[in-house]
Amino acid sequence: MRNLFVLLGLIFFLSLNSCARRVVVRQPTNVTVVKKLPKNYKVVRVNGKRYYTWNGKRYRKTRNGYVIVNI
């Protein structure tokens, strides 16, 4: 019976300590997403990352489309 209480106490104690931490990434409020790039875009590599340029702006590909970035 004593072992049962020790085991239950250990489970309770371990349930209070969580290794998981929540990480919240805040996105800027004014993000411009372009669903499709125009036909005359150019691909540029900066530090090994691929960016798309058109009309003097640089875009990065995401799941939702292309986002304007500042390099």
C-alpha atoms as a PDB file:
ATOM      1  CA  MET A   1       0.000   0.000   0.000  1.00  0.00           C
ATOM      2  CA  ARG A   2       2.881   2.334   0.795  1.00  0.00           C
ATOM      3  CA  ASN A   3       4.329   1.742  -2.675  1.00  0.00           C
ATOM      4  CA  LEU A   4       0.989   2.729  -4.226  1.00  0.00           C
ATOM      5  CA  PHE A   5       0.982   6.053  -2.372  1.00  0.00           C
ATOM      6  CA  VAL A   6       4.591   6.711  -3.349  1.00  0.00           C
ATOM      7  CA  LEU A   7       3.802   5.911  -6.978  1.00  0.00           C
ATOM      8  CA  LEU A   8       0.702   8.140  -6.996  1.00  0.00           C
ATOM      9  CA  GLY A   9       2.665  10.957  -5.337  1.00  0.00           C
ATOM     10  CA  LEU A  10       5.429  10.626  -7.895  1.00  0.00           C
ATOM     11  CA  ILE A  11       2.967  10.738 -10.797  1.00  0.00           C
ATOM     12  CA  PHE A  12       1.287  13.803  -9.293  1.00  0.00           C
ATOM     13  CA  PHE A  13       4.627  15.550  -8.774  1.00  0.00           C
ATOM     14  CA  LEU A  14       5.781  14.822 -12.320  1.00  0.00           C
ATOM     15  CA  SER A  15       2.514  16.076 -13.767  1.00  0.00           C
ATOM     16  CA  LEU A  16       3.174  19.508 -12.227  1.00  0.00           C
ATOM     17  CA  ASN A  17       6.471  19.892 -14.091  1.00  0.00           C
ATOM     18  CA  SER A  18       6.078  20.195 -17.826  1.00  0.00           C
ATOM     19  CA  CYS A  19       8.989  20.242 -20.216  1.00  0.00           C
ATOM     20  CA  ALA A  20       6.853  21.633 -23.018  1.00  0.00           C
ATOM     21  CA  ARG A  21       6.971  25.351 -23.546  1.00  0.00           C
ATOM     22  CA  ARG A  22       4.738  27.389 -25.747  1.00  0.00           C
ATOM     23  CA  VAL A  23       6.501  29.522 -28.316  1.00  0.00           C
ATOM     24  CA  VAL A  24       4.505  32.355 -29.807  1.00  0.00           C
ATOM     25  CA  VAL A  25       5.793  33.980 -32.971  1.00  0.00           C
ATOM     26  CA  ARG A  26       4.279  37.350 -33.661  1.00  0.00           C
ATOM     27  CA  GLN A  27       3.701  38.240 -37.273  1.00  0.00           C
ATOM     28  CA  PRO A  28       3.792  41.827 -38.470  1.00  0.00           C
ATOM     29  CA  THR A  29       0.338  43.332 -38.878  1.00  0.00           C
ATOM     30  CA  ASN A  30       0.863  44.741 -42.368  1.00  0.00           C
ATOM     31  CA  VAL A  31       1.873  41.757 -44.500  1.00  0.00           C
ATOM     32  CA  THR A  32       1.245  41.855 -48.225  1.00  0.00           C
ATOM     33  CA  VAL A  33       0.623  38.411 -49.704  1.00  0.00           C
ATOM     34  CA  VAL A  34       0.627  37.928 -53.466  1.00  0.00           C
ATOM     35  CA  LYS A  35      -0.978  34.684 -54.619  1.00  0.00           C
ATOM     36  CA  LYS A  36       0.749  34.533 -58.003  1.00  0.00           C
ATOM     37  CA  LEU A  37       3.845  36.294 -59.313  1.00  0.00           C
ATOM     38  CA  PRO A  38       3.831  37.970 -62.730  1.00  0.00           C
ATOM     39  CA  LYS A  39       5.432  36.169 -65.657  1.00  0.00           C
ATOM     40  CA  ASN A  40       8.541  38.388 -65.827  1.00  0.00           C
ATOM     41  CA  TYR A  41       9.866  37.853 -62.277  1.00  0.00           C
ATOM     42  CA  LYS A  42      13.530  37.029 -61.616  1.00  0.00           C
ATOM     43  CA  VAL A  43      15.043  34.611 -59.107  1.00  0.00           C
ATOM     44  CA  VAL A  44      17.805  35.991 -56.861  1.00  0.00           C
ATOM     45  CA  ARG A  45      19.824  34.082 -54.254  1.00  0.00           C
ATOM     46  CA  VAL A  46      20.999  35.968 -51.181  1.00  0.00           C
ATOM     47  CA  ASN A  47      22.993  34.020 -48.570  1.00  0.00           C
ATOM     48  CA  GLY A  48      21.745  30.758 -50.049  1.00  0.00           C
ATOM     49  CA  LYS A  49      18.071  31.725 -49.824  1.00  0.00           C
ATOM     50  CA  ARG A  50      15.858  32.103 -52.864  1.00  0.00           C
ATOM     51  CA  TYR A  51      14.000  35.372 -53.399  1.00  0.00           C
ATOM     52  CA  TYR A  52      11.864  36.490 -56.307  1.00  0.00           C
ATOM     53  CA  THR A  53      12.183  40.056 -57.607  1.00  0.00           C
ATOM     54  CA  TRP A  54       9.776  42.088 -59.660  1.00  0.00           C
ATOM     55  CA  ASN A  55       9.235  45.821 -59.971  1.00  0.00           C
ATOM     56  CA  GLY A  56      11.985  46.599 -57.444  1.00  0.00           C
ATOM     57  CA  LYS A  57      10.454  44.475 -54.672  1.00  0.00           C
ATOM     58  CA  ARG A  58      11.645  41.147 -53.307  1.00  0.00           C
ATOM     59  CA  TYR A  59       9.294  38.316 -52.440  1.00  0.00           C
ATOM     60  CA  ARG A  60       9.720  35.126 -50.419  1.00  0.00           C
ATOM     61  CA  LYS A  61       7.628  32.032 -51.090  1.00  0.00           C
ATOM     62  CA  THR A  62       5.322  30.822 -48.297  1.00  0.00           C
ATOM     63  CA  ARG A  63       2.433  28.383 -48.011  1.00  0.00           C
ATOM     64  CA  ASN A  64      -0.101  31.157 -48.555  1.00  0.00           C
ATOM     65  CA  GLY A  65       1.653  32.817 -51.494  1.00  0.00           C
ATOM     66  CA  TYR A  66       4.518  35.263 -51.860  1.00  0.00           C
ATOM     67  CA  VAL A  67       5.322  37.788 -49.122  1.00  0.00           C
ATOM     68  CA  ILE A  68       7.185  41.072 -49.659  1.00  0.00           C
ATOM     69  CA  VAL A  69      10.435  41.124 -47.665  1.00  0.00           C
ATOM     70  CA  ASN A  70      13.193  43.616 -46.946  1.00  0.00           C
ATOM     71  CA  ILE A  71      16.705  42.218 -47.290  1.00  0.00           C
END
